[in-house]
PDB file of N, CA and C in Angstrom:
ATOM      1  N   MET A   1      47.181  92.643 -32.398  1.00  0.00           N
ATOM      2  CA  MET A   1      46.966  93.071 -33.762  1.00  0.00           C
ATOM      3  C   MET A   1      48.312  93.118 -34.483  1.00  0.00           C
ATOM      4  N   PRO A   2      48.423  92.457 -35.652  1.00  0.00           N
ATOM      5  CA  PRO A   2      49.694  92.459 -36.368  1.00  0.00           C
ATOM      6  C   PRO A   2      50.028  93.840 -36.926  1.00  0.00           C
ATOM      7  N   VAL A   3      51.320  94.098 -37.005  1.00  0.00           N
ATOM      8  CA  VAL A   3      51.813  95.365 -37.522  1.00  0.00           C
ATOM      9  C   VAL A   3      51.992  95.224 -39.031  1.00  0.00           C
ATOM     10  N   LYS A   4      51.551  96.231 -39.794  1.00  0.00           N
ATOM     11  CA  LYS A   4      51.687  96.201 -41.256  1.00  0.00           C
ATOM     12  C   LYS A   4      53.000  96.891 -41.641  1.00  0.00           C
ATOM     13  N   ILE A   5      53.941  96.088 -42.113  1.00  0.00           N
ATOM     14  CA  ILE A   5      55.245  96.608 -42.515  1.00  0.00           C
ATOM     15  C   ILE A   5      55.167  97.090 -43.962  1.00  0.00           C
ATOM     16  N   THR A   6      55.566  98.336 -44.174  1.00  0.00           N
ATOM     17  CA  THR A   6      55.530  98.944 -45.492  1.00  0.00           C
ATOM     18  C   THR A   6      56.776  98.613 -46.303  1.00  0.00           C
ATOM     19  N   LYS A   7      57.925  98.605 -45.628  1.00  0.00           N
ATOM     20  CA  LYS A   7      59.199  98.422 -46.315  1.00  0.00           C
ATOM     21  C   LYS A   7      60.130  97.620 -45.421  1.00  0.00           C
ATOM     22  N   SER A   8      60.994  96.820 -46.042  1.00  0.00           N
ATOM     23  CA  SER A   8      61.996  96.047 -45.315  1.00  0.00           C
ATOM     24  C   SER A   8      63.364  96.376 -45.896  1.00  0.00           C
ATOM     25  N   LEU A   9      64.347  96.570 -45.014  1.00  0.00           N
ATOM     26  CA  LEU A   9      65.680  96.969 -45.456  1.00  0.00           C
ATOM     27  C   LEU A   9      66.725  96.188 -44.672  1.00  0.00           C
ATOM     28  N   ASP A  10      67.511  95.382 -45.382  1.00  0.00           N
ATOM     29  CA  ASP A  10      68.571  94.591 -44.750  1.00  0.00           C
ATOM     30  C   ASP A  10      69.848  95.416 -44.724  1.00  0.00           C
ATOM     31  N   LEU A  11      70.231  95.869 -43.542  1.00  0.00           N
ATOM     32  CA  LEU A  11      71.437  96.668 -43.367  1.00  0.00           C
ATOM     33  C   LEU A  11      72.539  95.877 -42.676  1.00  0.00           C
ATOM     34  N   SER A  12      72.366  94.560 -42.598  1.00  0.00           N
ATOM     35  CA  SER A  12      73.413  93.741 -41.982  1.00  0.00           C
ATOM     36  C   SER A  12      74.668  93.843 -42.844  1.00  0.00           C
ATOM     37  N   GLY A  13      75.801  93.918 -42.181  1.00  0.00           N
ATOM     38  CA  GLY A  13      77.068  94.058 -42.889  1.00  0.00           C
ATOM     39  C   GLY A  13      77.436  95.501 -43.209  1.00  0.00           C
ATOM     40  N   GLN A  14      76.510  96.426 -42.974  1.00  0.00           N
ATOM     41  CA  GLN A  14      76.765  97.853 -43.211  1.00  0.00           C
ATOM     42  C   GLN A  14      77.328  98.494 -41.941  1.00  0.00           C
ATOM     43  N   LYS A  15      78.315  99.330 -42.096  1.00  0.00           N
ATOM     44  CA  LYS A  15      78.942 100.004 -40.959  1.00  0.00           C
ATOM     45  C   LYS A  15      78.261 101.343 -40.688  1.00  0.00           C
ATOM     46  N   CYS A  16      78.412 101.823 -39.457  1.00  0.00           N
ATOM     47  CA  CYS A  16      77.932 103.153 -39.079  1.00  0.00           C
ATOM     48  C   CYS A  16      78.842 104.185 -39.733  1.00  0.00           C
ATOM     49  N   PRO A  17      78.381 105.285 -40.243  1.00  0.00           N
ATOM     50  CA  PRO A  17      77.003 105.761 -40.257  1.00  0.00           C
ATOM     51  C   PRO A  17      76.251 105.411 -41.547  1.00  0.00           C
ATOM     52  N   ILE A  18      76.855 104.593 -42.418  1.00  0.00           N
ATOM     53  CA  ILE A  18      76.212 104.254 -43.690  1.00  0.00           C
ATOM     54  C   ILE A  18      74.845 103.603 -43.448  1.00  0.00           C
ATOM     55  N   ASN A  19      74.762 102.699 -42.468  1.00  0.00           N
ATOM     56  CA  ASN A  19      73.481 102.031 -42.201  1.00  0.00           C
ATOM     57  C   ASN A  19      72.417 103.040 -41.760  1.00  0.00           C
ATOM     58  N   PHE A  20      72.798 104.013 -40.944  1.00  0.00           N
ATOM     59  CA  PHE A  20      71.850 105.042 -40.517  1.00  0.00           C
ATOM     60  C   PHE A  20      71.396 105.887 -41.720  1.00  0.00           C
ATOM     61  N   LEU A  21      72.332 106.273 -42.570  1.00  0.00           N
ATOM     62  CA  LEU A  21      71.989 107.104 -43.729  1.00  0.00           C
ATOM     63  C   LEU A  21      71.042 106.366 -44.673  1.00  0.00           C
ATOM     64  N   LYS A  22      71.276 105.073 -44.891  1.00  0.00           N
ATOM     65  CA  LYS A  22      70.392 104.292 -45.758  1.00  0.00           C
ATOM     66  C   LYS A  22      68.995 104.164 -45.149  1.00  0.00           C
ATOM     67  N   ALA A  23      68.924 103.978 -43.825  1.00  0.00           N
ATOM     68  CA  ALA A  23      67.629 103.904 -43.146  1.00  0.00           C
ATOM     69  C   ALA A  23      66.905 105.246 -43.242  1.00  0.00           C
ATOM     70  N   LYS A  24      67.643 106.330 -43.052  1.00  0.00           N
ATOM     71  CA  LYS A  24      67.058 107.677 -43.110  1.00  0.00           C
ATOM     72  C   LYS A  24      66.500 107.972 -44.505  1.00  0.00           C
ATOM     73  N   ILE A  25      67.246 107.615 -45.545  1.00  0.00           N
ATOM     74  CA  ILE A  25      66.790 107.825 -46.921  1.00  0.00           C
ATOM     75  C   ILE A  25      65.528 107.006 -47.194  1.00  0.00           C
ATOM     76  N   ALA A  26      65.512 105.760 -46.732  1.00  0.00           N
ATOM     77  CA  ALA A  26      64.331 104.905 -46.929  1.00  0.00           C
ATOM     78  C   ALA A  26      63.116 105.515 -46.237  1.00  0.00           C
ATOM     79  N   LEU A  27      63.293 106.030 -45.027  1.00  0.00           N
ATOM     80  CA  LEU A  27      62.188 106.650 -44.294  1.00  0.00           C
ATOM     81  C   LEU A  27      61.694 107.915 -44.995  1.00  0.00           C
ATOM     82  N   GLU A  28      62.587 108.664 -45.609  1.00  0.00           N
ATOM     83  CA  GLU A  28      62.195 109.886 -46.321  1.00  0.00           C
ATOM     84  C   GLU A  28      61.265 109.577 -47.486  1.00  0.00           C
ATOM     85  N   GLU A  29      61.378 108.375 -48.048  1.00  0.00           N
ATOM     86  CA  GLU A  29      60.545 107.965 -49.182  1.00  0.00           C
ATOM     87  C   GLU A  29      59.184 107.423 -48.741  1.00  0.00           C
ATOM     88  N   MET A  30      58.980 107.310 -47.443  1.00  0.00           N
ATOM     89  CA  MET A  30      57.750 106.732 -46.905  1.00  0.00           C
ATOM     90  C   MET A  30      56.805 107.823 -46.411  1.00  0.00           C
ATOM     91  N   ALA A  31      55.525 107.471 -46.279  1.00  0.00           N
ATOM     92  CA  ALA A  31      54.517 108.383 -45.734  1.00  0.00           C
ATOM     93  C   ALA A  31      54.518 108.302 -44.206  1.00  0.00           C
ATOM     94  N   PRO A  32      54.104 109.378 -43.533  1.00  0.00           N
ATOM     95  CA  PRO A  32      53.998 109.330 -42.072  1.00  0.00           C
ATOM     96  C   PRO A  32      53.145 108.149 -41.622  1.00  0.00           C
ATOM     97  N   SER A  33      53.535 107.550 -40.538  1.00  0.00           N
ATOM     98  CA  SER A  33      52.936 106.390 -39.873  1.00  0.00           C
ATOM     99  C   SER A  33      53.169 105.060 -40.559  1.00  0.00           C
ATOM    100  N   GLU A  34      53.874 105.041 -41.681  1.00  0.00           N
ATOM    101  CA  GLU A  34      54.254 103.761 -42.269  1.00  0.00           C
ATOM    102  C   GLU A  34      55.393 103.159 -41.449  1.00  0.00           C
ATOM    103  N   ILE A  35      55.515 101.835 -41.533  1.00  0.00           N
ATOM    104  CA  ILE A  35      56.489 101.118 -40.709  1.00  0.00           C
ATOM    105  C   ILE A  35      57.543 100.467 -41.587  1.00  0.00           C
ATOM    106  N   ILE A  36      58.803 100.673 -41.181  1.00  0.00           N
ATOM    107  CA  ILE A  36      59.924 100.036 -41.868  1.00  0.00           C
ATOM    108  C   ILE A  36      60.537  98.985 -40.946  1.00  0.00           C
ATOM    109  N   GLU A  37      60.931  97.885 -41.538  1.00  0.00           N
ATOM    110  CA  GLU A  37      61.603  96.799 -40.839  1.00  0.00           C
ATOM    111  C   GLU A  37      63.071  96.859 -41.247  1.00  0.00           C
ATOM    112  N   LEU A  38      63.946  97.032 -40.262  1.00  0.00           N
ATOM    113  CA  LEU A  38      65.386  97.111 -40.516  1.00  0.00           C
ATOM    114  C   LEU A  38      66.066  95.891 -39.929  1.00  0.00           C
ATOM    115  N   PHE A  39      67.071  95.387 -40.611  1.00  0.00           N
ATOM    116  CA  PHE A  39      67.888  94.305 -40.087  1.00  0.00           C
ATOM    117  C   PHE A  39      69.288  94.852 -39.872  1.00  0.00           C
ATOM    118  N   LEU A  40      69.747  94.798 -38.611  1.00  0.00           N
ATOM    119  CA  LEU A  40      71.013  95.398 -38.214  1.00  0.00           C
ATOM    120  C   LEU A  40      71.890  94.383 -37.483  1.00  0.00           C
ATOM    121  N   ASP A  41      73.209  94.571 -37.605  1.00  0.00           N
ATOM    122  CA  ASP A  41      74.156  93.745 -36.861  1.00  0.00           C
ATOM    123  C   ASP A  41      74.144  94.149 -35.394  1.00  0.00           C
ATOM    124  N   GLU A  42      74.599  93.228 -34.542  1.00  0.00           N
ATOM    125  CA  GLU A  42      74.697  93.576 -33.129  1.00  0.00           C
ATOM    126  C   GLU A  42      75.866  94.525 -32.910  1.00  0.00           C
ATOM    127  N   GLY A  43      75.962  95.074 -31.716  1.00  0.00           N
ATOM    128  CA  GLY A  43      77.016  96.031 -31.406  1.00  0.00           C
ATOM    129  C   GLY A  43      76.586  97.451 -31.748  1.00  0.00           C
ATOM    130  N   GLU A  44      77.500  98.210 -32.328  1.00  0.00           N
ATOM    131  CA  GLU A  44      77.231  99.612 -32.646  1.00  0.00           C
ATOM    132  C   GLU A  44      75.993  99.817 -33.521  1.00  0.00           C
ATOM    133  N   PRO A  45      75.788  99.020 -34.593  1.00  0.00           N
ATOM    134  CA  PRO A  45      74.612  99.272 -35.428  1.00  0.00           C
ATOM    135  C   PRO A  45      73.289  99.225 -34.672  1.00  0.00           C
ATOM    136  N   VAL A  46      73.055  98.187 -33.872  1.00  0.00           N
ATOM    137  CA  VAL A  46      71.765  98.075 -33.181  1.00  0.00           C
ATOM    138  C   VAL A  46      71.651  99.068 -32.017  1.00  0.00           C
ATOM    139  N   LYS A  47      72.765  99.578 -31.542  1.00  0.00           N
ATOM    140  CA  LYS A  47      72.719 100.607 -30.495  1.00  0.00           C
ATOM    141  C   LYS A  47      72.519 101.995 -31.096  1.00  0.00           C
ATOM    142  N   ASN A  48      73.243 102.279 -32.177  1.00  0.00           N
ATOM    143  CA  ASN A  48      73.270 103.639 -32.715  1.00  0.00           C
ATOM    144  C   ASN A  48      72.130 103.975 -33.671  1.00  0.00           C
ATOM    145  N   VAL A  49      71.791 103.060 -34.567  1.00  0.00           N
ATOM    146  CA  VAL A  49      70.785 103.382 -35.589  1.00  0.00           C
ATOM    147  C   VAL A  49      69.413 103.671 -34.959  1.00  0.00           C
ATOM    148  N   PRO A  50      68.878 102.796 -34.099  1.00  0.00           N
ATOM    149  CA  PRO A  50      67.573 103.125 -33.494  1.00  0.00           C
ATOM    150  C   PRO A  50      67.602 104.440 -32.706  1.00  0.00           C
ATOM    151  N   ARG A  51      68.668 104.660 -31.953  1.00  0.00           N
ATOM    152  CA  ARG A  51      68.779 105.895 -31.166  1.00  0.00           C
ATOM    153  C   ARG A  51      68.800 107.116 -32.087  1.00  0.00           C
ATOM    154  N   SER A  52      69.566 107.036 -33.175  1.00  0.00           N
ATOM    155  CA  SER A  52      69.651 108.155 -34.116  1.00  0.00           C
ATOM    156  C   SER A  52      68.315 108.402 -34.808  1.00  0.00           C
ATOM    157  N   LEU A  53      67.602 107.340 -35.148  1.00  0.00           N
ATOM    158  CA  LEU A  53      66.291 107.500 -35.791  1.00  0.00           C
ATOM    159  C   LEU A  53      65.293 108.145 -34.831  1.00  0.00           C
ATOM    160  N   GLU A  54      65.362 107.773 -33.546  1.00  0.00           N
ATOM    161  CA  GLU A  54      64.488 108.408 -32.558  1.00  0.00           C
ATOM    162  C   GLU A  54      64.822 109.886 -32.411  1.00  0.00           C
ATOM    163  N   MET A  55      66.102 110.224 -32.496  1.00  0.00           N
ATOM    164  CA  MET A  55      66.508 111.633 -32.414  1.00  0.00           C
ATOM    165  C   MET A  55      65.981 112.418 -33.616  1.00  0.00           C
ATOM    166  N   GLU A  56      65.730 111.721 -34.718  1.00  0.00           N
ATOM    167  CA  GLU A  56      65.158 112.341 -35.919  1.00  0.00           C
ATOM    168  C   GLU A  56      63.637 112.473 -35.808  1.00  0.00           C
ATOM    169  N   GLY A  57      63.047 111.907 -34.742  1.00  0.00           N
ATOM    170  CA  GLY A  57      61.612 112.032 -34.528  1.00  0.00           C
ATOM    171  C   GLY A  57      60.806 110.792 -34.858  1.00  0.00           C
ATOM    172  N   HIS A  58      61.478 109.712 -35.269  1.00  0.00           N
ATOM    173  CA  HIS A  58      60.775 108.468 -35.586  1.00  0.00           C
ATOM    174  C   HIS A  58      60.557 107.663 -34.304  1.00  0.00           C
ATOM    175  N   LEU A  59      59.684 106.669 -34.380  1.00  0.00           N
ATOM    176  CA  LEU A  59      59.339 105.863 -33.210  1.00  0.00           C
ATOM    177  C   LEU A  59      59.793 104.420 -33.411  1.00  0.00           C
ATOM    178  N   VAL A  60      60.708 103.963 -32.563  1.00  0.00           N
ATOM    179  CA  VAL A  60      61.148 102.562 -32.595  1.00  0.00           C
ATOM    180  C   VAL A  60      60.153 101.776 -31.757  1.00  0.00           C
ATOM    181  N   ILE A  61      59.452 100.823 -32.395  1.00  0.00           N
ATOM    182  CA  ILE A  61      58.404 100.092 -31.672  1.00  0.00           C
ATOM    183  C   ILE A  61      58.817  98.680 -31.276  1.00  0.00           C
ATOM    184  N   ASP A  62      59.917  98.162 -31.852  1.00  0.00           N
ATOM    185  CA  ASP A  62      60.344  96.816 -31.470  1.00  0.00           C
ATOM    186  C   ASP A  62      61.774  96.581 -31.923  1.00  0.00           C
ATOM    187  N   ILE A  63      62.532  95.888 -31.068  1.00  0.00           N
ATOM    188  CA  ILE A  63      63.872  95.411 -31.411  1.00  0.00           C
ATOM    189  C   ILE A  63      63.936  93.971 -30.923  1.00  0.00           C
ATOM    190  N   GLU A  64      64.199  93.047 -31.841  1.00  0.00           N
ATOM    191  CA  GLU A  64      64.315  91.650 -31.434  1.00  0.00           C
ATOM    192  C   GLU A  64      65.465  90.990 -32.168  1.00  0.00           C
ATOM    193  N   LYS A  65      66.145  90.094 -31.463  1.00  0.00           N
ATOM    194  CA  LYS A  65      67.256  89.365 -32.054  1.00  0.00           C
ATOM    195  C   LYS A  65      66.708  88.190 -32.852  1.00  0.00           C
ATOM    196  N   VAL A  66      67.165  88.070 -34.099  1.00  0.00           N
ATOM    197  CA  VAL A  66      66.777  86.973 -34.978  1.00  0.00           C
ATOM    198  C   VAL A  66      68.084  86.361 -35.480  1.00  0.00           C
ATOM    199  N   ASP A  67      68.407  85.180 -34.973  1.00  0.00           N
ATOM    200  CA  ASP A  67      69.692  84.543 -35.268  1.00  0.00           C
ATOM    201  C   ASP A  67      70.822  85.471 -34.823  1.00  0.00           C
ATOM    202  N   LYS A  68      71.656  85.915 -35.762  1.00  0.00           N
ATOM    203  CA  LYS A  68      72.814  86.737 -35.396  1.00  0.00           C
ATOM    204  C   LYS A  68      72.607  88.225 -35.697  1.00  0.00           C
ATOM    205  N   ILE A  69      71.418  88.597 -36.170  1.00  0.00           N
ATOM    206  CA  ILE A  69      71.140  90.001 -36.453  1.00  0.00           C
ATOM    207  C   ILE A  69      69.903  90.447 -35.678  1.00  0.00           C
ATOM    208  N   TYR A  70      69.637  91.730 -35.714  1.00  0.00           N
ATOM    209  CA  TYR A  70      68.493  92.298 -35.011  1.00  0.00           C
ATOM    210  C   TYR A  70      67.478  92.840 -36.002  1.00  0.00           C
ATOM    211  N   ARG A  71      66.207  92.597 -35.683  1.00  0.00           N
ATOM    212  CA  ARG A  71      65.085  93.121 -36.462  1.00  0.00           C
ATOM    213  C   ARG A  71      64.524  94.304 -35.688  1.00  0.00           C
ATOM    214  N   VAL A  72      64.502  95.462 -36.327  1.00  0.00           N
ATOM    215  CA  VAL A  72      64.060  96.697 -35.685  1.00  0.00           C
ATOM    216  C   VAL A  72      62.880  97.245 -36.483  1.00  0.00           C
ATOM    217  N   LEU A  73      61.770  97.526 -35.796  1.00  0.00           N
ATOM    218  CA  LEU A  73      60.595  98.123 -36.439  1.00  0.00           C
ATOM    219  C   LEU A  73      60.524  99.593 -36.063  1.00  0.00           C
ATOM    220  N   VAL A  74      60.393 100.442 -37.097  1.00  0.00           N
ATOM    221  CA  VAL A  74      60.386 101.894 -36.892  1.00  0.00           C
ATOM    222  C   VAL A  74      59.175 102.490 -37.607  1.00  0.00           C
ATOM    223  N   VAL A  75      58.447 103.338 -36.894  1.00  0.00           N
ATOM    224  CA  VAL A  75      57.320 104.063 -37.480  1.00  0.00           C
ATOM    225  C   VAL A  75      57.838 105.432 -37.908  1.00  0.00           C
ATOM    226  N   LYS A  76      57.543 105.794 -39.158  1.00  0.00           N
ATOM    227  CA  LYS A  76      57.987 107.095 -39.651  1.00  0.00           C
ATOM    228  C   LYS A  76      57.334 108.230 -38.855  1.00  0.00           C
ATOM    229  N   GLU A  77      58.088 109.265 -38.626  1.00  0.00           N
ATOM    230  CA  GLU A  77      57.622 110.439 -37.877  1.00  0.00           C
ATOM    231  C   GLU A  77      56.341 111.008 -38.469  1.00  0.00           C
ATOM    232  N   GLY A  78      55.611 111.704 -37.630  1.00  0.00           N
ATOM    233  CA  GLY A  78      54.344 112.280 -38.054  1.00  0.00           C
ATOM    234  C   GLY A  78      53.192 111.351 -37.811  1.00  0.00           C
ATOM    235  N   GLN A  79      53.417 110.355 -36.980  1.00  0.00           N
ATOM    236  CA  GLN A  79      52.436 109.302 -36.775  1.00  0.00           C
ATOM    237  C   GLN A  79      51.539 109.575 -35.566  1.00  0.00           C
ATOM    238  N   ASN A  80      50.392 108.984 -35.630  1.00  0.00           N
ATOM    239  CA  ASN A  80      49.500 108.821 -34.487  1.00  0.00           C
ATOM    240  C   ASN A  80      49.123 107.344 -34.512  1.00  0.00           C
ATOM    241  N   VAL A  81      50.043 106.533 -34.059  1.00  0.00           N
ATOM    242  CA  VAL A  81      49.879 105.087 -34.182  1.00  0.00           C
ATOM    243  C   VAL A  81      49.591 104.494 -32.822  1.00  0.00           C
ATOM    244  N   SER A  82      48.628 103.617 -32.774  1.00  0.00           N
ATOM    245  CA  SER A  82      48.391 102.869 -31.545  1.00  0.00           C
ATOM    246  C   SER A  82      48.776 101.422 -31.816  1.00  0.00           C
ATOM    247  N   ILE A  83      49.640 100.915 -31.009  1.00  0.00           N
ATOM    248  CA  ILE A  83      50.138  99.541 -31.175  1.00  0.00           C
ATOM    249  C   ILE A  83      49.578  98.674 -30.074  1.00  0.00           C
TER     250      ILE A  83
END
C-alpha cells in the first residue's frame, strides 16, 4: 500500500542543527499521523535528524539513498499508523 505524503521538505545543503529545526517546525504545522518526506545530505544530517525526530516522539518509517542525498519518511507523533 502506498504511503500518502502530506509535506515534502528539501533540507539538502542545510547544516545541523538548522536542518533538524526546520524539520521540527514543519512537523509542528502538521496533524498527527501525517507523513513528511525529508531530503537530507549524507553524513551527520542523515544520522542526526532522524534520530532527533525519533527522540521527539515521531516515527521514522523509511530512509533510502536517492542519488547523493537521502529521502527520509517521518510520521508525525500521535499516530496509530499501520504500514
